[in-house]
């Protein structure tokens, strides 16, 4: 979306213009793009969980095994696509 916004002319003038153009891009995504976004969601969710949890859980190497078990449990609960 960022790439598409950069090349659009005339230039974006205000937040309302940005909002309208983002919606236009979103509503006109191709089916291939949707499929790619859906297929990437489990990886994206896992990355977010790791980013939020890792600083709290991974205080040292002794917790690494525990964290991997916990992450695999979460991964198993994610819906498959």
PDB file of N, CA and C in Angstrom:
ATOM      1  N   UNK A   1       0.823  -1.179   0.000  1.00  0.00           N
ATOM      2  CA  UNK A   1       0.000   0.000   0.000  1.00  0.00           C
ATOM      3  C   UNK A   1       0.878   1.258   0.000  1.00  0.00           C
ATOM      4  N   UNK A   2       1.945   1.202   0.766  1.00  0.00           N
ATOM      5  CA  UNK A   2       2.848   2.355   0.842  1.00  0.00           C
ATOM      6  C   UNK A   2       3.393   2.720  -0.535  1.00  0.00           C
ATOM      7  N   UNK A   3       3.801   1.689  -1.285  1.00  0.00           N
ATOM      8  CA  UNK A   3       4.330   1.941  -2.633  1.00  0.00           C
ATOM      9  C   UNK A   3       3.278   2.579  -3.535  1.00  0.00           C
ATOM     10  N   UNK A   4       2.081   2.061  -3.458  1.00  0.00           N
ATOM     11  CA  UNK A   4       1.013   2.601  -4.296  1.00  0.00           C
ATOM     12  C   UNK A   4       0.683   4.045  -3.920  1.00  0.00           C
ATOM     13  N   UNK A   5       0.733   4.359  -2.644  1.00  0.00           N
ATOM     14  CA  UNK A   5       0.466   5.735  -2.216  1.00  0.00           C
ATOM     15  C   UNK A   5       1.537   6.696  -2.719  1.00  0.00           C
ATOM     16  N   UNK A   6       2.780   6.256  -2.707  1.00  0.00           N
ATOM     17  CA  UNK A   6       3.881   7.132  -3.133  1.00  0.00           C
ATOM     18  C   UNK A   6       3.777   7.557  -4.593  1.00  0.00           C
ATOM     19  N   UNK A   7       3.290   6.665  -5.445  1.00  0.00           N
ATOM     20  CA  UNK A   7       3.290   6.967  -6.878  1.00  0.00           C
ATOM     21  C   UNK A   7       2.020   7.666  -7.355  1.00  0.00           C
ATOM     22  N   UNK A   8       1.031   7.781  -6.503  1.00  0.00           N
ATOM     23  CA  UNK A   8      -0.219   8.407  -6.926  1.00  0.00           C
ATOM     24  C   UNK A   8      -0.052   9.911  -7.113  1.00  0.00           C
ATOM     25  N   UNK A   9      -0.731  10.414  -8.125  1.00  0.00           N
ATOM     26  CA  UNK A   9      -0.747  11.848  -8.399  1.00  0.00           C
ATOM     27  C   UNK A   9      -2.189  12.282  -8.565  1.00  0.00           C
ATOM     28  N   UNK A  10      -2.568  13.438  -8.119  1.00  0.00           N
ATOM     29  CA  UNK A  10      -1.772  14.458  -7.443  1.00  0.00           C
ATOM     30  C   UNK A  10      -1.377  14.004  -6.041  1.00  0.00           C
ATOM     31  N   UNK A  11      -0.437  14.687  -5.463  1.00  0.00           N
ATOM     32  CA  UNK A  11       0.077  14.342  -4.140  1.00  0.00           C
ATOM     33  C   UNK A  11      -1.030  14.426  -3.086  1.00  0.00           C
ATOM     34  N   UNK A  12      -0.860  13.661  -2.021  1.00  0.00           N
ATOM     35  CA  UNK A  12      -1.814  13.671  -0.911  1.00  0.00           C
ATOM     36  C   UNK A  12      -1.694  15.009  -0.189  1.00  0.00           C
ATOM     37  N   UNK A  13      -2.843  15.654   0.030  1.00  0.00           N
ATOM     38  CA  UNK A  13      -2.840  16.994   0.623  1.00  0.00           C
ATOM     39  C   UNK A  13      -3.163  17.013   2.108  1.00  0.00           C
ATOM     40  N   UNK A  14      -3.977  16.048   2.572  1.00  0.00           N
ATOM     41  CA  UNK A  14      -4.398  16.072   3.975  1.00  0.00           C
ATOM     42  C   UNK A  14      -4.766  14.664   4.432  1.00  0.00           C
ATOM     43  N   UNK A  15      -5.132  14.538   5.695  1.00  0.00           N
ATOM     44  CA  UNK A  15      -5.417  13.225   6.278  1.00  0.00           C
ATOM     45  C   UNK A  15      -6.666  12.593   5.645  1.00  0.00           C
ATOM     46  N   UNK A  16      -7.622  13.402   5.285  1.00  0.00           N
ATOM     47  CA  UNK A  16      -8.829  12.890   4.643  1.00  0.00           C
ATOM     48  C   UNK A  16      -8.502  12.295   3.272  1.00  0.00           C
ATOM     49  N   UNK A  17      -7.650  12.971   2.551  1.00  0.00           N
ATOM     50  CA  UNK A  17      -7.195  12.478   1.245  1.00  0.00           C
ATOM     51  C   UNK A  17      -6.446  11.152   1.412  1.00  0.00           C
ATOM     52  N   UNK A  18      -5.579  11.078   2.415  1.00  0.00           N
ATOM     53  CA  UNK A  18      -4.842   9.845   2.705  1.00  0.00           C
ATOM     54  C   UNK A  18      -5.811   8.712   3.029  1.00  0.00           C
ATOM     55  N   UNK A  19      -6.787   8.993   3.866  1.00  0.00           N
ATOM     56  CA  UNK A  19      -7.787   7.999   4.252  1.00  0.00           C
ATOM     57  C   UNK A  19      -8.524   7.465   3.022  1.00  0.00           C
ATOM     58  N   UNK A  20      -8.997   8.371   2.185  1.00  0.00           N
ATOM     59  CA  UNK A  20      -9.735   7.964   0.981  1.00  0.00           C
ATOM     60  C   UNK A  20      -8.881   7.110   0.047  1.00  0.00           C
ATOM     61  N   UNK A  21      -7.636   7.492  -0.121  1.00  0.00           N
ATOM     62  CA  UNK A  21      -6.761   6.730  -1.025  1.00  0.00           C
ATOM     63  C   UNK A  21      -6.419   5.356  -0.447  1.00  0.00           C
ATOM     64  N   UNK A  22      -6.217   5.296   0.859  1.00  0.00           N
ATOM     65  CA  UNK A  22      -5.948   3.992   1.492  1.00  0.00           C
ATOM     66  C   UNK A  22      -7.143   3.059   1.314  1.00  0.00           C
ATOM     67  N   UNK A  23      -8.336   3.585   1.544  1.00  0.00           N
ATOM     68  CA  UNK A  23      -9.532   2.762   1.353  1.00  0.00           C
ATOM     69  C   UNK A  23      -9.662   2.307  -0.096  1.00  0.00           C
ATOM     70  N   UNK A  24      -9.396   3.180  -1.022  1.00  0.00           N
ATOM     71  CA  UNK A  24      -9.470   2.831  -2.437  1.00  0.00           C
ATOM     72  C   UNK A  24      -8.492   1.702  -2.777  1.00  0.00           C
ATOM     73  N   UNK A  25      -7.278   1.807  -2.287  1.00  0.00           N
ATOM     74  CA  UNK A  25      -6.280   0.754  -2.529  1.00  0.00           C
ATOM     75  C   UNK A  25      -6.734  -0.551  -1.887  1.00  0.00           C
ATOM     76  N   UNK A  26      -7.201  -0.475  -0.640  1.00  0.00           N
ATOM     77  CA  UNK A  26      -7.614  -1.670   0.096  1.00  0.00           C
ATOM     78  C   UNK A  26      -8.767  -2.386  -0.615  1.00  0.00           C
ATOM     79  N   UNK A  27      -9.774  -1.629  -1.027  1.00  0.00           N
ATOM     80  CA  UNK A  27     -10.942  -2.239  -1.667  1.00  0.00           C
ATOM     81  C   UNK A  27     -10.650  -2.770  -3.063  1.00  0.00           C
ATOM     82  N   UNK A  28      -9.548  -2.383  -3.636  1.00  0.00           N
ATOM     83  CA  UNK A  28      -9.202  -2.839  -4.986  1.00  0.00           C
ATOM     84  C   UNK A  28      -8.020  -3.810  -5.012  1.00  0.00           C
ATOM     85  N   UNK A  29      -7.714  -4.420  -3.866  1.00  0.00           N
ATOM     86  CA  UNK A  29      -6.642  -5.419  -3.836  1.00  0.00           C
ATOM     87  C   UNK A  29      -7.030  -6.618  -4.701  1.00  0.00           C
ATOM     88  N   UNK A  30      -6.052  -7.180  -5.353  1.00  0.00           N
ATOM     89  CA  UNK A  30      -6.311  -8.359  -6.190  1.00  0.00           C
ATOM     90  C   UNK A  30      -6.464  -9.603  -5.313  1.00  0.00           C
ATOM     91  N   UNK A  31      -7.159 -10.623  -5.809  1.00  0.00           N
ATOM     92  CA  UNK A  31      -7.285 -11.878  -5.065  1.00  0.00           C
ATOM     93  C   UNK A  31      -5.920 -12.484  -4.707  1.00  0.00           C
ATOM     94  N   UNK A  32      -4.952 -12.329  -5.569  1.00  0.00           N
ATOM     95  CA  UNK A  32      -3.610 -12.857  -5.287  1.00  0.00           C
ATOM     96  C   UNK A  32      -3.021 -12.162  -4.060  1.00  0.00           C
ATOM     97  N   UNK A  33      -3.228 -10.851  -3.960  1.00  0.00           N
ATOM     98  CA  UNK A  33      -2.723 -10.102  -2.815  1.00  0.00           C
ATOM     99  C   UNK A  33      -3.420 -10.558  -1.530  1.00  0.00           C
ATOM    100  N   UNK A  34      -4.756 -10.745  -1.582  1.00  0.00           N
ATOM    101  CA  UNK A  34      -5.490 -11.243  -0.418  1.00  0.00           C
ATOM    102  C   UNK A  34      -4.948 -12.600   0.021  1.00  0.00           C
ATOM    103  N   UNK A  35      -4.735 -13.488  -0.940  1.00  0.00           N
ATOM    104  CA  UNK A  35      -4.233 -14.821  -0.611  1.00  0.00           C
ATOM    105  C   UNK A  35      -2.873 -14.735   0.072  1.00  0.00           C
ATOM    106  N   UNK A  36      -2.023 -13.844  -0.417  1.00  0.00           N
ATOM    107  CA  UNK A  36      -0.711 -13.664   0.197  1.00  0.00           C
ATOM    108  C   UNK A  36      -0.816 -13.137   1.614  1.00  0.00           C
ATOM    109  N   UNK A  37      -1.724 -12.186   1.833  1.00  0.00           N
ATOM    110  CA  UNK A  37      -1.909 -11.635   3.178  1.00  0.00           C
ATOM    111  C   UNK A  37      -2.434 -12.697   4.138  1.00  0.00           C
ATOM    112  N   UNK A  38      -3.418 -13.467   3.687  1.00  0.00           N
ATOM    113  CA  UNK A  38      -3.981 -14.521   4.534  1.00  0.00           C
ATOM    114  C   UNK A  38      -2.926 -15.580   4.839  1.00  0.00           C
ATOM    115  N   UNK A  39      -2.174 -15.982   3.840  1.00  0.00           N
ATOM    116  CA  UNK A  39      -1.148 -17.011   4.036  1.00  0.00           C
ATOM    117  C   UNK A  39      -0.047 -16.548   4.983  1.00  0.00           C
ATOM    118  N   UNK A  40       0.207 -15.252   5.037  1.00  0.00           N
ATOM    119  CA  UNK A  40       1.290 -14.743   5.882  1.00  0.00           C
ATOM    120  C   UNK A  40       0.850 -14.468   7.320  1.00  0.00           C
ATOM    121  N   UNK A  41      -0.436 -14.542   7.614  1.00  0.00           N
ATOM    122  CA  UNK A  41      -0.914 -14.175   8.950  1.00  0.00           C
ATOM    123  C   UNK A  41      -0.340 -15.025  10.082  1.00  0.00           C
ATOM    124  N   UNK A  42      -0.278 -16.350   9.972  1.00  0.00           N
ATOM    125  CA  UNK A  42       0.307 -17.111  11.084  1.00  0.00           C
ATOM    126  C   UNK A  42       1.738 -16.665  11.403  1.00  0.00           C
ATOM    127  N   UNK A  43       2.532 -16.427  10.381  1.00  0.00           N
ATOM    128  CA  UNK A  43       3.910 -15.966  10.594  1.00  0.00           C
ATOM    129  C   UNK A  43       3.920 -14.583  11.241  1.00  0.00           C
ATOM    130  N   UNK A  44       3.026 -13.705  10.806  1.00  0.00           N
ATOM    131  CA  UNK A  44       2.966 -12.352  11.358  1.00  0.00           C
ATOM    132  C   UNK A  44       2.521 -12.360  12.817  1.00  0.00           C
ATOM    133  N   UNK A  45       1.501 -13.177  13.118  1.00  0.00           N
ATOM    134  CA  UNK A  45       1.014 -13.272  14.499  1.00  0.00           C
ATOM    135  C   UNK A  45       2.109 -13.819  15.401  1.00  0.00           C
ATOM    136  N   UNK A  46       2.801 -14.844  14.933  1.00  0.00           N
ATOM    137  CA  UNK A  46       3.895 -15.404  15.726  1.00  0.00           C
ATOM    138  C   UNK A  46       4.986 -14.364  15.968  1.00  0.00           C
ATOM    139  N   UNK A  47       5.304 -13.570  14.973  1.00  0.00           N
ATOM    140  CA  UNK A  47       6.327 -12.529  15.128  1.00  0.00           C
ATOM    141  C   UNK A  47       5.904 -11.499  16.164  1.00  0.00           C
ATOM    142  N   UNK A  48       4.628 -11.120  16.151  1.00  0.00           N
ATOM    143  CA  UNK A  48       4.129 -10.156  17.144  1.00  0.00           C
ATOM    144  C   UNK A  48       4.201 -10.758  18.536  1.00  0.00           C
ATOM    145  N   UNK A  49       3.766 -12.014  18.662  1.00  0.00           N
ATOM    146  CA  UNK A  49       3.818 -12.662  19.973  1.00  0.00           C
ATOM    147  C   UNK A  49       5.253 -12.768  20.475  1.00  0.00           C
ATOM    148  N   UNK A  50       6.162 -13.136  19.602  1.00  0.00           N
ATOM    149  CA  UNK A  50       7.569 -13.226  20.000  1.00  0.00           C
ATOM    150  C   UNK A  50       8.104 -11.860  20.432  1.00  0.00           C
ATOM    151  N   UNK A  51       7.758 -10.827  19.703  1.00  0.00           N
ATOM    152  CA  UNK A  51       8.254  -9.484  20.023  1.00  0.00           C
ATOM    153  C   UNK A  51       7.717  -9.004  21.359  1.00  0.00           C
ATOM    154  N   UNK A  52       6.486  -9.352  21.694  1.00  0.00           N
ATOM    155  CA  UNK A  52       5.899  -8.899  22.947  1.00  0.00           C
ATOM    156  C   UNK A  52       6.314  -9.768  24.127  1.00  0.00           C
ATOM    157  N   UNK A  53       6.521 -11.055  23.880  1.00  0.00           N
ATOM    158  CA  UNK A  53       6.789 -11.992  24.962  1.00  0.00           C
ATOM    159  C   UNK A  53       8.279 -12.177  25.206  1.00  0.00           C
ATOM    160  N   UNK A  54       9.066 -12.177  24.171  1.00  0.00           N
ATOM    161  CA  UNK A  54      10.493 -12.480  24.306  1.00  0.00           C
ATOM    162  C   UNK A  54      11.193 -11.632  25.362  1.00  0.00           C
ATOM    163  N   UNK A  55      10.986 -10.319  25.406  1.00  0.00           N
ATOM    164  CA  UNK A  55      11.677  -9.543  26.445  1.00  0.00           C
ATOM    165  C   UNK A  55      11.267  -9.945  27.858  1.00  0.00           C
ATOM    166  N   UNK A  56      10.036 -10.439  28.021  1.00  0.00           N
ATOM    167  CA  UNK A  56       9.562 -10.827  29.344  1.00  0.00           C
ATOM    168  C   UNK A  56      10.010 -12.229  29.732  1.00  0.00           C
ATOM    169  N   UNK A  57       9.998 -13.131  28.768  1.00  0.00           N
ATOM    170  CA  UNK A  57      10.259 -14.542  29.056  1.00  0.00           C
ATOM    171  C   UNK A  57      11.736 -14.893  28.969  1.00  0.00           C
ATOM    172  N   UNK A  58      12.408 -14.397  27.958  1.00  0.00           N
ATOM    173  CA  UNK A  58      13.787 -14.809  27.715  1.00  0.00           C
ATOM    174  C   UNK A  58      14.783 -13.975  28.521  1.00  0.00           C
ATOM    175  N   UNK A  59      14.841 -14.225  29.809  1.00  0.00           N
ATOM    176  CA  UNK A  59      15.797 -13.527  30.666  1.00  0.00           C
ATOM    177  C   UNK A  59      17.181 -14.170  30.576  1.00  0.00           C
ATOM    178  N   UNK A  60      17.198 -15.454  30.274  1.00  0.00           N
ATOM    179  CA  UNK A  60      18.459 -16.181  30.163  1.00  0.00           C
ATOM    180  C   UNK A  60      18.265 -17.430  29.331  1.00  0.00           C
ATOM    181  N   UNK A  61      19.345 -18.143  29.078  1.00  0.00           N
ATOM    182  CA  UNK A  61      19.283 -19.341  28.244  1.00  0.00           C
ATOM    183  C   UNK A  61      18.411 -20.420  28.871  1.00  0.00           C
ATOM    184  N   UNK A  62      18.307 -20.466  30.195  1.00  0.00           N
ATOM    185  CA  UNK A  62      17.525 -21.514  30.855  1.00  0.00           C
ATOM    186  C   UNK A  62      16.040 -21.434  30.497  1.00  0.00           C
ATOM    187  N   UNK A  63      15.564 -20.264  30.118  1.00  0.00           N
ATOM    188  CA  UNK A  63      14.157 -20.107  29.763  1.00  0.00           C
ATOM    189  C   UNK A  63      13.882 -20.375  28.290  1.00  0.00           C
ATOM    190  N   UNK A  64      14.916 -20.553  27.496  1.00  0.00           N
ATOM    191  CA  UNK A  64      14.735 -20.710  26.055  1.00  0.00           C
ATOM    192  C   UNK A  64      13.870 -21.927  25.725  1.00  0.00           C
ATOM    193  N   UNK A  65      14.141 -23.045  26.356  1.00  0.00           N
ATOM    194  CA  UNK A  65      13.371 -24.274  26.101  1.00  0.00           C
ATOM    195  C   UNK A  65      11.908 -24.059  26.466  1.00  0.00           C
ATOM    196  N   UNK A  66      11.662 -23.431  27.608  1.00  0.00           N
ATOM    197  CA  UNK A  66      10.306 -23.166  28.052  1.00  0.00           C
ATOM    198  C   UNK A  66       9.569 -22.272  27.050  1.00  0.00           C
ATOM    199  N   UNK A  67      10.259 -21.279  26.546  1.00  0.00           N
ATOM    200  CA  UNK A  67       9.662 -20.355  25.585  1.00  0.00           C
ATOM    201  C   UNK A  67       9.309 -21.073  24.292  1.00  0.00           C
ATOM    202  N   UNK A  68      10.183 -21.952  23.821  1.00  0.00           N
ATOM    203  CA  UNK A  68       9.905 -22.681  22.587  1.00  0.00           C
ATOM    204  C   UNK A  68       8.685 -23.581  22.750  1.00  0.00           C
ATOM    205  N   UNK A  69       8.526 -24.209  23.911  1.00  0.00           N
ATOM    206  CA  UNK A  69       7.353 -25.049  24.166  1.00  0.00           C
ATOM    207  C   UNK A  69       6.100 -24.184  24.161  1.00  0.00           C
ATOM    208  N   UNK A  70       6.170 -23.057  24.839  1.00  0.00           N
ATOM    209  CA  UNK A  70       5.031 -22.144  24.910  1.00  0.00           C
ATOM    210  C   UNK A  70       4.649 -21.645  23.522  1.00  0.00           C
ATOM    211  N   UNK A  71       5.645 -21.265  22.709  1.00  0.00           N
ATOM    212  CA  UNK A  71       5.366 -20.774  21.362  1.00  0.00           C
ATOM    213  C   UNK A  71       4.775 -21.879  20.485  1.00  0.00           C
ATOM    214  N   UNK A  72       5.220 -23.118  20.651  1.00  0.00           N
ATOM    215  CA  UNK A  72       4.655 -24.202  19.843  1.00  0.00           C
ATOM    216  C   UNK A  72       3.200 -24.452  20.233  1.00  0.00           C
ATOM    217  N   UNK A  73       2.858 -24.270  21.515  1.00  0.00           N
ATOM    218  CA  UNK A  73       1.464 -24.413  21.936  1.00  0.00           C
ATOM    219  C   UNK A  73       0.599 -23.335  21.303  1.00  0.00           C
ATOM    220  N   UNK A  74       1.097 -22.116  21.273  1.00  0.00           N
ATOM    221  CA  UNK A  74       0.352 -21.029  20.640  1.00  0.00           C
ATOM    222  C   UNK A  74       0.217 -21.300  19.145  1.00  0.00           C
ATOM    223  N   UNK A  75       1.304 -21.740  18.525  1.00  0.00           N
ATOM    224  CA  UNK A  75       1.295 -22.029  17.090  1.00  0.00           C
ATOM    225  C   UNK A  75       0.239 -23.084  16.772  1.00  0.00           C
ATOM    226  N   UNK A  76       0.097 -24.093  17.650  1.00  0.00           N
ATOM    227  CA  UNK A  76      -0.887 -25.152  17.433  1.00  0.00           C
ATOM    228  C   UNK A  76      -2.318 -24.631  17.527  1.00  0.00           C
ATOM    229  N   UNK A  77      -2.517 -23.561  18.291  1.00  0.00           N
ATOM    230  CA  UNK A  77      -3.856 -23.005  18.462  1.00  0.00           C
ATOM    231  C   UNK A  77      -4.253 -22.060  17.335  1.00  0.00           C
ATOM    232  N   UNK A  78      -3.288 -21.609  16.537  1.00  0.00           N
ATOM    233  CA  UNK A  78      -3.605 -20.694  15.443  1.00  0.00           C
ATOM    234  C   UNK A  78      -4.411 -21.427  14.381  1.00  0.00           C
ATOM    235  N   UNK A  79      -5.410 -20.754  13.808  1.00  0.00           N
ATOM    236  CA  UNK A  79      -6.182 -21.418  12.747  1.00  0.00           C
ATOM    237  C   UNK A  79      -5.315 -21.676  11.528  1.00  0.00           C
ATOM    238  N   UNK A  80      -5.575 -22.788  10.884  1.00  0.00           N
ATOM    239  CA  UNK A  80      -4.827 -23.101   9.663  1.00  0.00           C
ATOM    240  C   UNK A  80      -5.554 -22.494   8.477  1.00  0.00           C
ATOM    241  N   UNK A  81      -4.780 -22.098   7.488  1.00  0.00           N
ATOM    242  CA  UNK A  81      -5.367 -21.493   6.284  1.00  0.00           C
ATOM    243  C   UNK A  81      -5.075 -22.349   5.082  1.00  0.00           C
TER     244      UNK A  81
END
